[in-house]
C-alpha atoms as a PDB file:
ATOM      1  CA  UNK A   1      -0.067   0.116   0.423  1.00  0.00           C
ATOM      2  CA  UNK A   2       1.077   3.388  -1.028  1.00  0.00           C
ATOM      3  CA  UNK A   3      -1.073   6.072   0.286  1.00  0.00           C
ATOM      4  CA  UNK A   4      -0.630   9.737   0.195  1.00  0.00           C
ATOM      5  CA  UNK A   5      -2.593  11.942   2.851  1.00  0.00           C
ATOM      6  CA  UNK A   6      -2.609  15.422   3.485  1.00  0.00           C
ATOM      7  CA  UNK A   7      -4.784  17.751   5.780  1.00  0.00           C
ATOM      8  CA  UNK A   8      -5.125  22.008   6.013  1.00  0.00           C
ATOM      9  CA  UNK A   9      -8.551  22.227   7.843  1.00  0.00           C
ATOM     10  CA  UNK A  10      -7.128  23.925  10.815  1.00  0.00           C
ATOM     11  CA  UNK A  11      -4.155  25.499  12.042  1.00  0.00           C
ATOM     12  CA  UNK A  12      -2.424  21.691  11.649  1.00  0.00           C
ATOM     13  CA  UNK A  13      -0.785  21.702   8.281  1.00  0.00           C
ATOM     14  CA  UNK A  14       0.795  18.054   7.493  1.00  0.00           C
ATOM     15  CA  UNK A  15       1.349  15.303   5.612  1.00  0.00           C
ATOM     16  CA  UNK A  16       1.515  11.738   5.726  1.00  0.00           C
ATOM     17  CA  UNK A  17       2.840   8.926   3.386  1.00  0.00           C
ATOM     18  CA  UNK A  18       2.038   5.140   4.115  1.00  0.00           C
ATOM     19  CA  UNK A  19       3.998   2.846   2.733  1.00  0.00           C
ATOM     20  CA  UNK A  20       3.260  -0.586   3.801  1.00  0.00           C
ATOM     21  CA  UNK A  21       4.475  -0.610   7.298  1.00  0.00           C
ATOM     22  CA  UNK A  22       6.240   2.251   7.284  1.00  0.00           C
ATOM     23  CA  UNK A  23       4.529   5.817   7.980  1.00  0.00           C
ATOM     24  CA  UNK A  24       6.666   9.365   6.871  1.00  0.00           C
ATOM     25  CA  UNK A  25       5.090  12.524   8.163  1.00  0.00           C
ATOM     26  CA  UNK A  26       5.589  16.381   8.063  1.00  0.00           C
ATOM     27  CA  UNK A  27       3.396  18.763   9.993  1.00  0.00           C
ATOM     28  CA  UNK A  28       3.849  22.442  11.710  1.00  0.00           C
ATOM     29  CA  UNK A  29       1.320  24.491  13.283  1.00  0.00           C
ATOM     30  CA  UNK A  30       0.420  27.686  11.099  1.00  0.00           C
ATOM     31  CA  UNK A  31      -1.713  30.821  11.761  1.00  0.00           C
ATOM     32  CA  UNK A  32      -1.941  31.007   7.966  1.00  0.00           C
ATOM     33  CA  UNK A  33       0.550  30.113   4.637  1.00  0.00           C
ATOM     34  CA  UNK A  34      -0.778  26.381   4.404  1.00  0.00           C
ATOM     35  CA  UNK A  35      -1.067  26.688   0.545  1.00  0.00           C
ATOM     36  CA  UNK A  36       2.965  27.785   0.465  1.00  0.00           C
ATOM     37  CA  UNK A  37       3.527  24.914   2.951  1.00  0.00           C
ATOM     38  CA  UNK A  38       1.655  22.014   2.010  1.00  0.00           C
ATOM     39  CA  UNK A  39       2.964  21.143  -1.595  1.00  0.00           C
ATOM     40  CA  UNK A  40       6.991  21.209  -0.421  1.00  0.00           C
ATOM     41  CA  UNK A  41       5.986  19.078   2.314  1.00  0.00           C
ATOM     42  CA  UNK A  42       4.586  16.417   0.075  1.00  0.00           C
ATOM     43  CA  UNK A  43       7.353  16.799  -2.331  1.00  0.00           C
ATOM     44  CA  UNK A  44       9.941  16.107   0.919  1.00  0.00           C
ATOM     45  CA  UNK A  45       7.987  12.824   1.700  1.00  0.00           C
ATOM     46  CA  UNK A  46       7.664  11.189  -1.742  1.00  0.00           C
ATOM     47  CA  UNK A  47      11.933  12.396  -2.017  1.00  0.00           C
ATOM     48  CA  UNK A  48      12.282  10.310   1.322  1.00  0.00           C
ATOM     49  CA  UNK A  49      10.540   7.792  -0.059  1.00  0.00           C
ATOM     50  CA  UNK A  50      12.317   7.728  -3.224  1.00  0.00           C
ATOM     51  CA  UNK A  51       8.940   7.414  -5.290  1.00  0.00           C
ATOM     52  CA  UNK A  52       6.607   9.734  -7.467  1.00  0.00           C
ATOM     53  CA  UNK A  53       2.908  10.295  -7.542  1.00  0.00           C
ATOM     54  CA  UNK A  54       2.483   7.498 -10.475  1.00  0.00           C
ATOM     55  CA  UNK A  55       3.450   4.999  -7.826  1.00  0.00           C
ATOM     56  CA  UNK A  56       0.876   5.725  -5.257  1.00  0.00           C
ATOM     57  CA  UNK A  57      -2.221   4.006  -4.950  1.00  0.00           C
ATOM     58  CA  UNK A  58      -4.638   6.678  -4.049  1.00  0.00           C
ATOM     59  CA  UNK A  59      -4.809   9.902  -2.137  1.00  0.00           C
ATOM     60  CA  UNK A  60      -6.713  10.663   0.886  1.00  0.00           C
ATOM     61  CA  UNK A  61      -7.532  14.260   2.338  1.00  0.00           C
ATOM     62  CA  UNK A  62      -9.071  15.725   5.432  1.00  0.00           C
ATOM     63  CA  UNK A  63     -12.022  16.723   4.084  1.00  0.00           C
ATOM     64  CA  UNK A  64     -13.388  19.086   7.075  1.00  0.00           C
ATOM     65  CA  UNK A  65     -15.192  20.468   8.553  1.00  0.00           C
ATOM     66  CA  UNK A  66     -12.777  23.560   9.303  1.00  0.00           C
ATOM     67  CA  UNK A  67     -11.560  26.356   8.270  1.00  0.00           C
ATOM     68  CA  UNK A  68     -13.378  27.639   4.843  1.00  0.00           C
ATOM     69  CA  UNK A  69     -10.281  28.317   2.785  1.00  0.00           C
ATOM     70  CA  UNK A  70      -8.437  25.056   4.255  1.00  0.00           C
ATOM     71  CA  UNK A  71     -10.787  22.691   3.622  1.00  0.00           C
ATOM     72  CA  UNK A  72     -10.941  23.698  -0.021  1.00  0.00           C
ATOM     73  CA  UNK A  73      -7.025  23.596  -0.104  1.00  0.00           C
ATOM     74  CA  UNK A  74      -6.808  19.907   0.774  1.00  0.00           C
ATOM     75  CA  UNK A  75      -9.499  19.008  -1.545  1.00  0.00           C
ATOM     76  CA  UNK A  76      -8.321  21.092  -4.602  1.00  0.00           C
ATOM     77  CA  UNK A  77      -4.566  19.669  -4.022  1.00  0.00           C
ATOM     78  CA  UNK A  78      -5.949  16.170  -3.715  1.00  0.00           C
ATOM     79  CA  UNK A  79      -8.197  16.555  -6.756  1.00  0.00           C
ATOM     80  CA  UNK A  80      -5.327  18.046  -8.799  1.00  0.00           C
ATOM     81  CA  UNK A  81      -2.758  15.477  -7.904  1.00  0.00           C
ATOM     82  CA  UNK A  82      -4.898  13.029  -8.449  1.00  0.00           C
ATOM     83  CA  UNK A  83      -5.911  14.096 -11.802  1.00  0.00           C
ATOM     84  CA  UNK A  84      -2.170  14.417 -12.759  1.00  0.00           C
ATOM     85  CA  UNK A  85      -1.728  10.879 -11.317  1.00  0.00           C
ATOM     86  CA  UNK A  86      -4.782   8.795 -12.618  1.00  0.00           C
ATOM     87  CA  UNK A  87      -5.676   7.754  -8.724  1.00  0.00           C
ATOM     88  CA  UNK A  88      -8.708   7.803  -6.813  1.00  0.00           C
ATOM     89  CA  UNK A  89      -8.935   9.411  -3.595  1.00  0.00           C
ATOM     90  CA  UNK A  90     -10.264   9.235  -0.433  1.00  0.00           C
ATOM     91  CA  UNK A  91     -12.125  11.965   1.842  1.00  0.00           C
ATOM     92  CA  UNK A  92     -12.010  11.826   5.548  1.00  0.00           C
ATOM     93  CA  UNK A  93     -13.878  13.672   8.141  1.00  0.00           C
ATOM     94  CA  UNK A  94     -11.363  15.643  10.149  1.00  0.00           C
ATOM     95  CA  UNK A  95     -13.404  15.302  13.335  1.00  0.00           C
ATOM     96  CA  UNK A  96     -13.194  11.363  12.846  1.00  0.00           C
ATOM     97  CA  UNK A  97      -9.391  11.877  12.572  1.00  0.00           C
ATOM     98  CA  UNK A  98      -8.989  13.704  15.992  1.00  0.00           C
ATOM     99  CA  UNK A  99     -11.377  11.049  17.742  1.00  0.00           C
ATOM    100  CA  UNK A 100      -8.629   8.516  16.218  1.00  0.00           C
ATOM    101  CA  UNK A 101      -5.825  10.252  17.214  1.00  0.00           C
ATOM    102  CA  UNK A 102      -7.463   9.831  20.574  1.00  0.00           C
ATOM    103  CA  UNK A 103      -8.016   6.351  20.527  1.00  0.00           C
ATOM    104  CA  UNK A 104      -4.517   5.587  19.378  1.00  0.00           C
ATOM    105  CA  UNK A 105      -2.840   7.747  21.836  1.00  0.00           C
ATOM    106  CA  UNK A 106      -4.749   6.536  25.263  1.00  0.00           C
ATOM    107  CA  UNK A 107      -5.389   3.397  26.382  1.00  0.00           C
ATOM    108  CA  UNK A 108      -8.883   2.951  27.570  1.00  0.00           C
ATOM    109  CA  UNK A 109     -10.676   5.546  26.030  1.00  0.00           C
ATOM    110  CA  UNK A 110     -13.283   4.136  23.655  1.00  0.00           C
ATOM    111  CA  UNK A 111     -15.599   7.226  23.146  1.00  0.00           C
ATOM    112  CA  UNK A 112     -14.867  10.693  22.439  1.00  0.00           C
ATOM    113  CA  UNK A 113     -16.517  13.684  22.076  1.00  0.00           C
ATOM    114  CA  UNK A 114     -14.638  15.947  19.634  1.00  0.00           C
ATOM    115  CA  UNK A 115     -15.196  19.375  19.605  1.00  0.00           C
ATOM    116  CA  UNK A 116     -13.428  22.083  17.344  1.00  0.00           C
ATOM    117  CA  UNK A 117     -13.337  25.658  17.145  1.00  0.00           C
ATOM    118  CA  UNK A 118     -15.988  26.993  14.362  1.00  0.00           C
ATOM    119  CA  UNK A 119     -15.306  30.280  15.249  1.00  0.00           C
ATOM    120  CA  UNK A 120     -18.899  33.081  15.236  1.00  0.00           C
ATOM    121  CA  UNK A 121     -19.415  31.424  19.022  1.00  0.00           C
ATOM    122  CA  UNK A 122     -19.815  28.072  17.342  1.00  0.00           C
ATOM    123  CA  UNK A 123     -18.502  24.482  17.329  1.00  0.00           C
ATOM    124  CA  UNK A 124     -18.003  21.286  14.853  1.00  0.00           C
ATOM    125  CA  UNK A 125     -18.583  18.621  17.084  1.00  0.00           C
ATOM    126  CA  UNK A 126     -19.186  14.846  16.625  1.00  0.00           C
ATOM    127  CA  UNK A 127     -19.601  11.784  18.867  1.00  0.00           C
ATOM    128  CA  UNK A 128     -17.414   8.559  17.731  1.00  0.00           C
ATOM    129  CA  UNK A 129     -16.514   4.946  19.573  1.00  0.00           C
ATOM    130  CA  UNK A 130     -13.743   2.907  18.697  1.00  0.00           C
ATOM    131  CA  UNK A 131     -14.746  -0.416  16.905  1.00  0.00           C
ATOM    132  CA  UNK A 132     -13.190  -3.613  17.189  1.00  0.00           C
ATOM    133  CA  UNK A 133     -10.810  -2.977  14.197  1.00  0.00           C
ATOM    134  CA  UNK A 134      -9.586   0.049  16.510  1.00  0.00           C
ATOM    135  CA  UNK A 135     -11.166   2.838  14.183  1.00  0.00           C
ATOM    136  CA  UNK A 136     -13.274   5.764  15.316  1.00  0.00           C
ATOM    137  CA  UNK A 137     -16.727   5.055  13.891  1.00  0.00           C
ATOM    138  CA  UNK A 138     -19.063   8.055  13.816  1.00  0.00           C
ATOM    139  CA  UNK A 139     -21.843   7.726  16.332  1.00  0.00           C
ATOM    140  CA  UNK A 140     -24.324   9.991  14.923  1.00  0.00           C
ATOM    141  CA  UNK A 141     -24.185  12.947  12.196  1.00  0.00           C
ATOM    142  CA  UNK A 142     -21.357  15.717  12.566  1.00  0.00           C
ATOM    143  CA  UNK A 143     -23.073  19.163  13.513  1.00  0.00           C
ATOM    144  CA  UNK A 144     -22.053  22.420  13.753  1.00  0.00           C
ATOM    145  CA  UNK A 145     -23.729  24.637  16.504  1.00  0.00           C
ATOM    146  CA  UNK A 146     -23.427  27.118  19.920  1.00  0.00           C
ATOM    147  CA  UNK A 147     -21.982  25.040  22.575  1.00  0.00           C
ATOM    148  CA  UNK A 148     -25.006  24.817  24.481  1.00  0.00           C
ATOM    149  CA  UNK A 149     -26.319  22.431  22.017  1.00  0.00           C
ATOM    150  CA  UNK A 150     -23.477  19.797  22.114  1.00  0.00           C
ATOM    151  CA  UNK A 151     -24.760  16.750  23.683  1.00  0.00           C
ATOM    152  CA  UNK A 152     -23.575  13.389  24.300  1.00  0.00           C
ATOM    153  CA  UNK A 153     -26.027  10.022  23.621  1.00  0.00           C
ATOM    154  CA  UNK A 154     -27.425   8.566  26.384  1.00  0.00           C
ATOM    155  CA  UNK A 155     -25.282   6.354  29.008  1.00  0.00           C
ATOM    156  CA  UNK A 156     -22.101   8.171  27.562  1.00  0.00           C
ATOM    157  CA  UNK A 157     -20.974   9.002  30.680  1.00  0.00           C
ATOM    158  CA  UNK A 158     -17.554   7.932  30.184  1.00  0.00           C
ATOM    159  CA  UNK A 159     -16.532   9.460  27.093  1.00  0.00           C
ATOM    160  CA  UNK A 160     -13.752  11.809  26.906  1.00  0.00           C
ATOM    161  CA  UNK A 161     -13.414  15.007  25.385  1.00  0.00           C
ATOM    162  CA  UNK A 162     -10.784  16.483  22.872  1.00  0.00           C
ATOM    163  CA  UNK A 163     -10.311  19.273  20.513  1.00  0.00           C
ATOM    164  CA  UNK A 164      -9.901  23.132  20.576  1.00  0.00           C
ATOM    165  CA  UNK A 165     -13.518  23.926  20.817  1.00  0.00           C
ATOM    166  CA  UNK A 166     -12.841  23.282  24.786  1.00  0.00           C
ATOM    167  CA  UNK A 167     -10.224  25.638  24.738  1.00  0.00           C
ATOM    168  CA  UNK A 168     -11.963  28.216  22.895  1.00  0.00           C
ATOM    169  CA  UNK A 169     -15.355  27.693  25.072  1.00  0.00           C
ATOM    170  CA  UNK A 170     -14.099  26.410  28.358  1.00  0.00           C
ATOM    171  CA  UNK A 171     -17.655  26.157  29.775  1.00  0.00           C
ATOM    172  CA  UNK A 172     -18.294  23.196  27.367  1.00  0.00           C
ATOM    173  CA  UNK A 173     -16.758  20.699  29.443  1.00  0.00           C
ATOM    174  CA  UNK A 174     -19.706  21.286  31.844  1.00  0.00           C
ATOM    175  CA  UNK A 175     -22.478  21.681  29.366  1.00  0.00           C
ATOM    176  CA  UNK A 176     -21.650  18.787  27.741  1.00  0.00           C
ATOM    177  CA  UNK A 177     -20.391  16.730  30.705  1.00  0.00           C
ATOM    178  CA  UNK A 178     -17.062  15.339  29.878  1.00  0.00           C
ATOM    179  CA  UNK A 179     -13.528  15.151  30.930  1.00  0.00           C
ATOM    180  CA  UNK A 180     -10.773  16.927  28.728  1.00  0.00           C
ATOM    181  CA  UNK A 181      -7.661  14.701  29.233  1.00  0.00           C
ATOM    182  CA  UNK A 182      -4.829  17.134  30.132  1.00  0.00           C
ATOM    183  CA  UNK A 183      -3.469  18.716  26.634  1.00  0.00           C
ATOM    184  CA  UNK A 184      -6.497  17.110  24.630  1.00  0.00           C
ATOM    185  CA  UNK A 185      -7.935  20.551  24.309  1.00  0.00           C
ATOM    186  CA  UNK A 186      -4.986  21.594  22.278  1.00  0.00           C
ATOM    187  CA  UNK A 187      -5.191  18.415  19.880  1.00  0.00           C
ATOM    188  CA  UNK A 188      -5.621  19.117  16.048  1.00  0.00           C
ATOM    189  CA  UNK A 189      -6.435  16.719  13.331  1.00  0.00           C
ATOM    190  CA  UNK A 190      -3.524  15.254  11.573  1.00  0.00           C
ATOM    191  CA  UNK A 191      -2.757  14.044   7.889  1.00  0.00           C
ATOM    192  CA  UNK A 192      -1.410  10.294   9.838  1.00  0.00           C
ATOM    193  CA  UNK A 193      -4.679   9.967  10.942  1.00  0.00           C
ATOM    194  CA  UNK A 194      -6.616  10.748   7.617  1.00  0.00           C
ATOM    195  CA  UNK A 195      -4.120   7.863   6.268  1.00  0.00           C
ATOM    196  CA  UNK A 196      -5.211   5.428   9.201  1.00  0.00           C
ATOM    197  CA  UNK A 197      -8.746   5.674   8.591  1.00  0.00           C
ATOM    198  CA  UNK A 198      -8.275   6.019   4.392  1.00  0.00           C
ATOM    199  CA  UNK A 199      -6.157   2.861   4.386  1.00  0.00           C
ATOM    200  CA  UNK A 200      -9.128   0.207   4.979  1.00  0.00           C
ATOM    201  CA  UNK A 201     -11.035   2.344   2.249  1.00  0.00           C
ATOM    202  CA  UNK A 202      -8.344   1.691  -0.298  1.00  0.00           C
ATOM    203  CA  UNK A 203      -7.864  -2.069   0.520  1.00  0.00           C
ATOM    204  CA  UNK A 204     -11.576  -2.271   0.316  1.00  0.00           C
ATOM    205  CA  UNK A 205     -11.379  -0.688  -3.401  1.00  0.00           C
ATOM    206  CA  UNK A 206     -13.533   2.600  -1.913  1.00  0.00           C
ATOM    207  CA  UNK A 207     -12.056   5.428  -3.931  1.00  0.00           C
ATOM    208  CA  UNK A 208     -13.521   8.143  -5.696  1.00  0.00           C
ATOM    209  CA  UNK A 209     -12.661   9.827  -8.668  1.00  0.00           C
ATOM    210  CA  UNK A 210     -11.017  12.792  -8.282  1.00  0.00           C
ATOM    211  CA  UNK A 211     -14.041  15.275  -9.382  1.00  0.00           C
ATOM    212  CA  UNK A 212     -16.300  13.534  -6.896  1.00  0.00           C
ATOM    213  CA  UNK A 213     -14.002  14.314  -3.683  1.00  0.00           C
ATOM    214  CA  UNK A 214     -15.620  17.316  -2.285  1.00  0.00           C
ATOM    215  CA  UNK A 215     -14.602  19.289   0.541  1.00  0.00           C
ATOM    216  CA  UNK A 216     -17.532  19.427   3.707  1.00  0.00           C
ATOM    217  CA  UNK A 217     -18.444  22.469   5.564  1.00  0.00           C
ATOM    218  CA  UNK A 218     -21.366  21.619   7.489  1.00  0.00           C
ATOM    219  CA  UNK A 219     -21.997  25.468   8.241  1.00  0.00           C
ATOM    220  CA  UNK A 220     -23.909  26.628   4.920  1.00  0.00           C
ATOM    221  CA  UNK A 221     -23.185  30.241   5.609  1.00  0.00           C
ATOM    222  CA  UNK A 222     -19.001  30.112   5.524  1.00  0.00           C
ATOM    223  CA  UNK A 223     -18.836  33.432   4.028  1.00  0.00           C
ATOM    224  CA  UNK A 224     -21.599  35.480   5.680  1.00  0.00           C
ATOM    225  CA  UNK A 225     -20.493  37.210   8.919  1.00  0.00           C
ATOM    226  CA  UNK A 226     -22.442  36.820  12.137  1.00  0.00           C
ATOM    227  CA  UNK A 227     -25.609  39.613  12.565  1.00  0.00           C
END
């Protein structure tokens, strides 16, 4: 398996290259300038592995939700590279990728409430549980809305919270009724977890044509300022 993954949906700008049992990564946290950094990261990974785009099996990308510009950037680059190399693509939820980061990092956490800062006094949020294969699975739809609207499923008192929504809105911990382990309110999604979640899709042949890979914003009025 040769899978390239990229993510620019949040302040984290990252790329990962999965090669059988190896994972090569590049990552930087940036306030802006993702467009200038992501392609050099990809070039560095391919050079380190000694392969070209045509040698890949697929390209995965963080499809959002996240920054309007960042989500479009990841989708656009994935589409462009895939078109040029004749490859299929795998979109991966950035909320799910962040949940996967939690499941891989901390033994015993099998349910997660992921809340990322959506600005405009809102959060992107979703509930995820760890499946038998170790991968994060959605429990209900992903949403965007005010922190007061975040709710855990019934009997999810053991869920851990993570994501920068908890740093932006500290009261969210009490409103949602979750414990946020130390440092987890600073975590961001990364291409490494995008690659991990995309690998089974590639193995099963569930690839999209480049033109069918679209960003997911959740918020319909992404360009309209709050009243």
